[in-house]
Amino acid sequence: MSTTFFAPASFHHITFSSTLCYSITLLTILQQPATMQFLSVLLAALAAAGSAAAAPSFTLSNGFPNPDPQALASIQKQAGGSIPNTPLPTKLKADSIQTLQVIATNEIFEVAYFSSLLKNVTDNVEGYTDFAGQSREYVIASLKAIRAQEELHAIGANAILSSAGAKTIGACEYKFPVSDFKSAIVLANTFTDLVVGALQGASKTFAVDGGQSAEGLVSLLGSIIGQEGQQDGAYRLIQKKVPSSSPFLTAASGALAFNAVAQMFIVPDSCGPNSNVSSIGVPSFDKLSLAKGVQPSSSSTSLKFTTNTKKDLNGAHLAYISGQNKPVVVAVKNVNKQGSSTTFEASFPFEKKNFSNGLTVAALVKNNGPFADSAAVTNSTFAGPGLIVID
């Protein structure tokens, strides 16, 4: 049974070939009167504005993030489907706006990630020529489609925000902790697991907010969850895993997903004021990871973690989110603080508490709960997320 745990503190900056670190300037969608709006209308205005604007620091060859109508048609053809032509919401509550801004942040990161992976494969970069039995042509075609789909997700999220009179989201600089095709697919599998979990919470937010959020966004998000799930199954097949990890995938929250992107992929202090990333209002958590060399498995009964938190962890608690079960809370023990890093141990009741295969999310929390769901865990989190994958 293979395991993966991602430790953001240990990641290195990467260049655009076998390693990469670059910036993207996201689209600026024109604000329009609060009447019934269609995404195609907003995109036409976007293209006109983009042609007169200063050149962004990064673009794709199709003009993203400001594609003209012809380029948009090409993106849609490559993506296998079109931008929805249904009316856009013009009035959203604050929770829905923040949720869409988190989604936009993640989608922009994904466009950057798959652009880099596609370039590395296309350029035959060392480490990116072994595709686990898949043909190079098939991999390139698949990555082109996935990237195009993520482009439409990013464009769509920002168009909805613009339609509702909210701030759209721009890009930062990114660092990706991969050096070959295998590790890139493993990482894509893991962050897509987290995305699927976070979109569950986003769908609930839209439903609870009601009004145009419930009417216009719940079904749209459901289609994106399915699309991300299809991606995830492909990543697992490449790793020779069962396509679907468990009957009920692990829940998460927008704040946990946002912090994962911020800690693992965004270069510190690289988000400019025009990106609006700092104004989203999501709480910033300290980092959490397994201690170096620890390899968790379904039979593990205890795990050793490391964190950069300055809080005293004596008497603290760690929460696990796995599947759709109630979060499990365990006590922190054997705390050892050395400089800016603290290590500790915590029990890992994978089999005893019926944890699900696939992703388990860990977080240091302010109290011992009990917590009803991932949202309740997030409200008490001060360090995390730690991402553990067991299959």
Protein backbone atom coordinates (compact mmCIF):
# COMPACT_ATOMS: atom_id res chain seq x y z
CA MET A 1 0.00 0.00 0.00
CA SER A 2 1.70 3.19 -1.18
CA THR A 3 1.68 6.39 0.80
CA THR A 4 2.39 10.03 0.13
CA PHE A 5 2.71 12.97 2.49
CA PHE A 6 3.48 16.45 1.23
CA ALA A 7 5.65 18.66 3.40
CA PRO A 8 5.52 22.25 2.13
CA ALA A 9 8.41 23.35 4.30
CA SER A 10 10.77 21.08 2.34
CA PHE A 11 9.84 22.23 -1.16
CA HIS A 12 12.33 23.88 -3.45
CA HIS A 13 11.83 26.56 -6.07
CA ILE A 14 11.78 25.19 -9.58
CA THR A 15 12.57 26.61 -13.01
CA PHE A 16 10.43 26.44 -16.14
CA SER A 17 12.12 23.34 -17.58
CA SER A 18 12.77 20.44 -15.24
CA THR A 19 12.09 22.94 -12.51
CA LEU A 20 10.00 26.04 -12.71
CA CYS A 21 9.02 29.31 -11.06
CA TYR A 22 7.14 31.97 -12.98
CA SER A 23 4.31 34.47 -12.71
CA ILE A 24 0.98 34.87 -14.42
CA THR A 25 -1.09 38.03 -14.71
CA LEU A 26 -4.75 37.09 -14.64
CA LEU A 27 -7.47 38.63 -16.72
CA THR A 28 -9.25 41.82 -15.73
CA ILE A 29 -12.91 41.52 -16.57
CA LEU A 30 -14.80 44.73 -17.21
CA GLN A 31 -17.43 45.63 -14.67
CA GLN A 32 -20.87 45.95 -16.27
CA PRO A 33 -24.27 47.15 -15.02
CA ALA A 34 -26.02 44.76 -12.65
CA THR A 35 -28.38 43.38 -15.26
CA MET A 36 -28.69 39.87 -16.69
CA GLN A 37 -25.22 39.10 -18.01
CA PHE A 38 -23.85 36.25 -20.07
CA LEU A 39 -20.31 34.97 -19.88
CA SER A 40 -19.82 35.31 -23.63
CA VAL A 41 -20.60 39.05 -23.41
CA LEU A 42 -18.12 39.55 -20.58
CA LEU A 43 -15.43 37.67 -22.44
CA ALA A 44 -15.89 39.79 -25.54
CA ALA A 45 -15.37 42.90 -23.40
CA LEU A 46 -12.40 41.21 -21.74
CA ALA A 47 -10.68 40.55 -25.06
CA ALA A 48 -11.16 44.15 -26.17
CA ALA A 49 -9.74 45.44 -22.89
CA GLY A 50 -6.83 42.99 -22.96
CA SER A 51 -5.67 44.11 -26.38
CA ALA A 52 -5.24 47.69 -25.15
CA ALA A 53 -3.69 46.80 -21.80
CA ALA A 54 -0.01 46.46 -20.99
CA ALA A 55 1.40 43.05 -21.78
CA PRO A 56 1.11 40.67 -18.81
CA SER A 57 4.21 39.10 -17.29
CA PHE A 58 3.10 35.66 -18.47
CA THR A 59 0.66 34.54 -21.15
CA LEU A 60 -0.06 31.35 -22.99
CA SER A 61 0.26 31.31 -26.74
CA ASN A 62 -3.53 31.56 -27.02
CA GLY A 63 -3.56 34.91 -25.21
CA PHE A 64 -4.68 33.63 -21.82
CA PRO A 65 -5.49 35.29 -19.54
CA ASN A 66 -7.02 37.68 -22.10
CA PRO A 67 -8.04 35.51 -25.05
CA ASP A 68 -9.83 37.15 -27.96
CA PRO A 69 -13.02 35.49 -29.28
CA GLN A 70 -11.10 33.42 -31.83
CA ALA A 71 -8.64 32.20 -29.20
CA LEU A 72 -11.50 31.46 -26.81
CA ALA A 73 -13.12 29.30 -29.47
CA SER A 74 -9.85 27.40 -29.80
CA ILE A 75 -9.59 26.94 -26.02
CA GLN A 76 -13.13 25.61 -25.92
CA LYS A 77 -12.43 23.18 -28.77
CA GLN A 78 -9.30 21.93 -27.01
CA ALA A 79 -11.21 21.66 -23.71
CA GLY A 80 -13.92 19.55 -25.32
CA GLY A 81 -16.76 21.93 -24.48
CA SER A 82 -17.83 25.54 -24.28
CA ILE A 83 -18.14 28.18 -21.62
CA PRO A 84 -21.75 28.06 -20.32
CA ASN A 85 -24.02 30.55 -22.10
CA THR A 86 -26.48 30.82 -19.22
CA PRO A 87 -27.03 34.08 -17.29
CA LEU A 88 -24.41 35.03 -14.70
CA PRO A 89 -25.32 36.01 -11.14
CA THR A 90 -25.34 39.75 -10.54
CA LYS A 91 -25.81 39.65 -6.77
CA LEU A 92 -23.92 37.36 -4.42
CA LYS A 93 -23.46 37.25 -0.65
CA ALA A 94 -20.04 37.74 0.91
CA ASP A 95 -19.54 34.03 1.61
CA SER A 96 -20.19 33.12 -2.02
CA ILE A 97 -17.85 35.86 -3.25
CA GLN A 98 -15.02 34.68 -1.01
CA THR A 99 -15.62 31.09 -2.10
CA LEU A 100 -15.39 32.06 -5.78
CA GLN A 101 -12.20 34.03 -5.12
CA VAL A 102 -10.62 30.97 -3.51
CA ILE A 103 -11.74 28.86 -6.48
CA ALA A 104 -10.21 31.40 -8.89
CA THR A 105 -6.93 31.36 -6.95
CA ASN A 106 -6.76 27.59 -7.23
CA GLU A 107 -7.74 27.47 -10.91
CA ILE A 108 -5.03 29.98 -11.87
CA PHE A 109 -2.46 27.91 -10.02
CA GLU A 110 -3.66 24.81 -11.89
CA VAL A 111 -3.29 26.54 -15.27
CA ALA A 112 0.29 27.37 -14.30
CA TYR A 113 0.97 23.85 -13.07
CA PHE A 114 -0.30 22.04 -16.14
CA SER A 115 1.37 24.58 -18.44
CA SER A 116 4.72 23.74 -16.87
CA LEU A 117 4.09 20.00 -16.98
CA LEU A 118 3.03 20.19 -20.62
CA LYS A 119 6.14 22.18 -21.53
CA ASN A 120 8.43 19.73 -19.76
CA VAL A 121 6.85 16.78 -21.55
CA THR A 122 6.79 18.53 -24.93
CA ASP A 123 10.44 19.58 -24.60
CA ASN A 124 11.56 16.07 -23.60
CA VAL A 125 13.08 17.40 -20.40
CA GLU A 126 15.05 14.80 -18.44
CA GLY A 127 12.65 12.97 -16.12
CA TYR A 128 9.65 13.73 -18.33
CA THR A 129 10.03 10.98 -20.94
CA ASP A 130 8.77 7.93 -19.02
CA PHE A 131 4.96 7.93 -18.99
CA ALA A 132 4.23 4.67 -17.16
CA GLY A 133 3.18 2.87 -20.33
CA GLN A 134 1.25 5.76 -21.90
CA SER A 135 2.34 7.13 -25.26
CA ARG A 136 3.92 10.58 -25.38
CA GLU A 137 1.29 11.71 -27.91
CA TYR A 138 -1.56 10.63 -25.63
CA VAL A 139 -0.01 12.38 -22.61
CA ILE A 140 0.49 15.63 -24.53
CA ALA A 141 -3.09 15.56 -25.89
CA SER A 142 -4.45 14.87 -22.40
CA LEU A 143 -2.44 17.67 -20.78
CA LYS A 144 -3.54 20.13 -23.45
CA ALA A 145 -7.19 19.26 -22.78
CA ILE A 146 -6.79 19.45 -19.00
CA ARG A 147 -5.03 22.80 -19.18
CA ALA A 148 -7.71 24.21 -21.47
CA GLN A 149 -10.41 23.02 -19.09
CA GLU A 150 -8.67 24.72 -16.16
CA GLU A 151 -8.35 27.90 -18.24
CA LEU A 152 -12.11 27.94 -18.69
CA HIS A 153 -12.63 27.32 -14.97
CA ALA A 154 -10.41 30.30 -14.13
CA ILE A 155 -11.99 32.58 -16.74
CA GLY A 156 -15.46 31.54 -15.62
CA ALA A 157 -14.86 32.10 -11.90
CA ASN A 158 -13.53 35.60 -12.50
CA ALA A 159 -16.34 36.41 -14.92
CA ILE A 160 -18.90 35.49 -12.25
CA LEU A 161 -17.09 37.66 -9.71
CA SER A 162 -17.02 40.56 -12.14
CA SER A 163 -20.69 40.15 -12.96
CA ALA A 164 -21.51 40.36 -9.26
CA GLY A 165 -19.40 43.52 -8.83
CA ALA A 166 -16.72 41.72 -6.78
CA LYS A 167 -12.93 41.81 -7.04
CA THR A 168 -11.48 39.38 -9.56
CA ILE A 169 -8.35 37.40 -8.73
CA GLY A 170 -4.94 37.72 -10.34
CA ALA A 171 -1.85 35.58 -10.20
CA CYS A 172 1.28 35.26 -8.12
CA GLU A 173 4.60 33.52 -8.78
CA TYR A 174 4.59 29.77 -8.26
CA LYS A 175 7.02 27.03 -7.26
CA PHE A 176 6.37 23.38 -8.02
CA PRO A 177 8.07 20.55 -6.07
CA VAL A 178 8.44 18.10 -8.93
CA SER A 179 11.39 16.94 -11.03
CA ASP A 180 9.87 14.20 -13.18
CA PHE A 181 6.61 13.01 -14.70
CA LYS A 182 5.88 10.50 -11.95
CA SER A 183 6.17 13.01 -9.11
CA ALA A 184 4.16 15.56 -11.12
CA ILE A 185 1.28 13.09 -11.50
CA VAL A 186 1.43 12.11 -7.81
CA LEU A 187 1.23 15.77 -6.84
CA ALA A 188 -1.59 16.46 -9.32
CA ASN A 189 -3.50 13.55 -7.81
CA THR A 190 -3.07 14.92 -4.30
CA PHE A 191 -4.03 18.54 -4.94
CA THR A 192 -6.98 17.40 -7.05
CA ASP A 193 -8.14 15.26 -4.11
CA LEU A 194 -8.03 18.40 -1.98
CA VAL A 195 -9.82 20.47 -4.64
CA VAL A 196 -12.65 17.93 -4.84
CA GLY A 197 -12.96 18.10 -1.05
CA ALA A 198 -13.00 21.90 -1.00
CA LEU A 199 -15.60 22.10 -3.79
CA GLN A 200 -17.95 20.05 -1.63
CA GLY A 201 -17.86 22.84 0.93
CA ALA A 202 -18.20 25.47 -1.79
CA SER A 203 -21.35 23.82 -3.09
CA LYS A 204 -22.82 23.86 0.41
CA THR A 205 -21.96 27.56 0.77
CA PHE A 206 -23.77 28.41 -2.47
CA ALA A 207 -26.79 26.36 -1.44
CA VAL A 208 -27.02 27.92 2.03
CA ASP A 209 -26.58 31.45 0.66
CA GLY A 210 -29.59 30.84 -1.59
CA GLY A 211 -30.77 33.30 -4.20
CA GLN A 212 -28.62 33.57 -7.30
CA SER A 213 -25.85 31.51 -5.67
CA ALA A 214 -28.14 28.50 -5.31
CA GLU A 215 -29.87 29.05 -8.64
CA GLY A 216 -26.83 29.65 -10.79
CA LEU A 217 -23.81 28.09 -9.12
CA VAL A 218 -24.70 24.80 -7.39
CA SER A 219 -25.26 22.78 -10.56
CA LEU A 220 -22.34 24.51 -12.28
CA LEU A 221 -20.04 23.51 -9.42
CA GLY A 222 -21.40 19.99 -9.50
CA SER A 223 -20.28 19.68 -13.11
CA ILE A 224 -16.78 20.91 -12.15
CA ILE A 225 -16.57 18.42 -9.28
CA GLY A 226 -17.32 15.64 -11.74
CA GLN A 227 -14.71 16.96 -14.18
CA GLU A 228 -12.04 17.12 -11.46
CA GLY A 229 -13.00 13.59 -10.40
CA GLN A 230 -12.43 12.34 -13.93
CA GLN A 231 -8.96 13.89 -13.85
CA ASP A 232 -8.24 12.30 -10.49
CA GLY A 233 -9.13 8.84 -11.73
CA ALA A 234 -6.73 9.23 -14.64
CA TYR A 235 -3.89 10.29 -12.34
CA ARG A 236 -4.52 7.24 -10.17
CA LEU A 237 -4.56 4.88 -13.17
CA ILE A 238 -1.16 6.18 -14.27
CA GLN A 239 0.11 5.24 -10.79
CA LYS A 240 -1.42 1.74 -11.15
CA LYS A 241 -3.95 2.50 -8.45
CA VAL A 242 -7.67 1.69 -8.40
CA PRO A 243 -9.29 4.61 -10.30
CA SER A 244 -11.51 5.64 -7.38
CA SER A 245 -9.90 5.66 -3.95
CA SER A 246 -13.00 5.26 -1.79
CA PRO A 247 -16.81 5.36 -1.90
CA PHE A 248 -17.02 8.80 -0.27
CA LEU A 249 -14.17 11.22 -0.93
CA THR A 250 -12.61 13.26 1.86
CA ALA A 251 -14.20 16.60 2.62
CA ALA A 252 -12.17 19.78 3.03
CA SER A 253 -12.78 23.53 3.05
CA GLY A 254 -11.85 26.54 0.97
CA ALA A 255 -9.56 27.82 3.70
CA LEU A 256 -7.65 24.53 3.90
CA ALA A 257 -7.27 24.40 0.11
CA PHE A 258 -6.22 28.05 -0.05
CA ASN A 259 -3.57 27.54 2.62
CA ALA A 260 -2.25 24.46 0.82
CA VAL A 261 -1.79 26.49 -2.37
CA ALA A 262 -0.27 29.41 -0.46
CA GLN A 263 2.15 27.25 1.52
CA MET A 264 3.13 24.76 -1.16
CA PHE A 265 3.01 26.64 -4.45
CA ILE A 266 2.96 30.43 -4.09
CA VAL A 267 6.33 32.17 -3.84
CA PRO A 268 6.20 34.27 -0.63
CA ASP A 269 5.36 37.96 -1.16
CA SER A 270 4.84 37.43 -4.90
CA CYS A 271 1.13 38.31 -5.01
CA GLY A 272 0.90 41.94 -6.08
CA PRO A 273 -1.83 44.30 -4.86
CA ASN A 274 -3.65 44.01 -8.19
CA SER A 275 -3.97 40.26 -7.75
CA ASN A 276 -6.41 40.82 -4.86
CA VAL A 277 -5.22 37.55 -3.31
CA SER A 278 -4.34 39.22 0.00
CA SER A 279 -7.80 40.78 0.26
CA ILE A 280 -9.74 37.51 -0.01
CA GLY A 281 -9.86 37.34 3.77
CA VAL A 282 -9.01 33.66 4.28
CA PRO A 283 -7.16 33.00 7.56
CA SER A 284 -3.49 32.11 7.23
CA PHE A 285 -2.40 28.92 9.00
CA ASP A 286 1.03 27.81 10.14
CA LYS A 287 2.61 24.91 8.26
CA LEU A 288 2.22 21.26 9.20
CA SER A 289 3.90 18.18 7.76
CA LEU A 290 5.15 14.75 8.68
CA ALA A 291 8.64 14.73 10.07
CA LYS A 292 11.34 13.93 7.53
CA GLY A 293 11.55 10.24 6.68
CA VAL A 294 8.17 9.26 8.12
CA GLN A 295 6.18 7.00 5.76
CA PRO A 296 2.59 6.54 6.98
CA SER A 297 0.58 3.46 6.12
CA SER A 298 -2.81 2.01 6.98
CA SER A 299 -1.14 -0.02 9.71
CA SER A 300 0.62 2.95 11.31
CA THR A 301 -0.54 3.61 14.85
CA SER A 302 1.48 6.76 15.54
CA LEU A 303 2.99 9.49 13.38
CA LYS A 304 5.62 12.16 13.95
CA PHE A 305 4.90 15.67 12.66
CA THR A 306 6.74 18.95 12.33
CA THR A 307 5.37 22.49 12.33
CA ASN A 308 6.63 26.06 12.29
CA THR A 309 3.96 27.31 14.68
CA LYS A 310 5.09 29.46 17.60
CA LYS A 311 2.25 28.19 19.79
CA ASP A 312 2.94 25.97 22.78
CA LEU A 313 1.80 22.51 21.69
CA ASN A 314 1.78 20.95 25.14
CA GLY A 315 -1.84 19.91 25.62
CA ALA A 316 -2.69 20.63 21.98
CA HIS A 317 -4.74 18.41 19.66
CA LEU A 318 -4.57 17.18 16.07
CA ALA A 319 -7.67 16.61 13.93
CA TYR A 320 -7.93 14.16 11.03
CA ILE A 321 -10.50 14.53 8.25
CA SER A 322 -11.03 11.34 6.25
CA GLY A 323 -13.89 10.48 3.91
CA GLN A 324 -17.27 11.79 5.00
CA ASN A 325 -16.80 10.63 8.59
CA LYS A 326 -16.80 12.90 11.60
CA PRO A 327 -13.31 14.27 12.16
CA VAL A 328 -11.15 12.34 14.62
CA VAL A 329 -9.25 14.32 17.28
CA VAL A 330 -6.16 12.97 19.05
CA ALA A 331 -3.83 14.42 21.64
CA VAL A 332 -0.41 15.80 20.77
CA LYS A 333 2.46 14.19 22.71
CA ASN A 334 6.26 14.18 22.95
CA VAL A 335 6.57 17.82 21.93
CA ASN A 336 10.12 18.93 21.11
CA LYS A 337 10.80 22.53 20.12
CA GLN A 338 14.13 23.35 18.44
CA GLY A 339 14.53 26.88 17.15
CA SER A 340 11.70 27.78 14.78
CA SER A 341 10.59 24.17 14.31
CA THR A 342 8.59 21.94 16.63
CA THR A 343 8.14 18.19 16.32
CA PHE A 344 5.47 16.13 18.02
CA GLU A 345 3.82 12.74 17.85
CA ALA A 346 0.15 11.82 17.54
CA SER A 347 -1.73 8.55 17.23
CA PHE A 348 -2.96 7.63 13.74
CA PRO A 349 -6.09 5.46 14.14
CA PHE A 350 -6.53 4.70 10.43
CA GLU A 351 -7.98 1.23 10.83
CA LYS A 352 -9.60 1.69 14.24
CA LYS A 353 -11.60 4.74 13.13
CA ASN A 354 -12.39 3.49 9.61
CA PHE A 355 -10.41 6.12 7.72
CA SER A 356 -10.89 6.13 3.95
CA ASN A 357 -8.25 5.30 1.36
CA GLY A 358 -6.92 8.26 -0.58
CA LEU A 359 -6.57 11.65 1.07
CA THR A 360 -6.60 12.28 4.81
CA VAL A 361 -6.26 15.90 5.94
CA ALA A 362 -4.53 16.72 9.23
CA ALA A 363 -4.73 19.99 11.17
CA LEU A 364 -3.58 21.30 14.52
CA VAL A 365 -6.66 22.63 16.31
CA LYS A 366 -7.31 24.91 19.26
CA ASN A 367 -9.37 22.41 21.26
CA ASN A 368 -10.36 18.76 21.35
CA GLY A 369 -13.75 19.25 19.72
CA PRO A 370 -15.82 17.30 18.99
CA PHE A 371 -16.05 18.65 15.43
CA ALA A 372 -19.06 17.91 13.25
CA ASP A 373 -17.33 18.35 9.91
CA SER A 374 -14.40 19.84 8.00
CA ALA A 375 -15.81 23.36 8.36
CA ALA A 376 -15.79 23.03 12.15
CA VAL A 377 -12.21 21.75 12.04
CA THR A 378 -11.20 24.71 9.87
CA ASN A 379 -12.72 27.19 12.33
CA SER A 380 -10.43 25.78 15.03
CA THR A 381 -7.30 25.24 12.91
CA PHE A 382 -4.05 27.12 13.54
CA ALA A 383 -1.65 24.90 11.55
CA GLY A 384 -2.30 22.86 8.43
CA PRO A 385 -3.29 21.30 6.24
CA GLY A 386 -1.12 18.21 6.32
CA LEU A 387 -1.95 16.03 3.32
CA ILE A 388 -1.62 12.28 3.77
CA VAL A 389 -2.38 9.86 0.94
CA ILE A 390 -2.78 6.15 1.66
CA ASP A 391 -3.72 3.56 -0.98
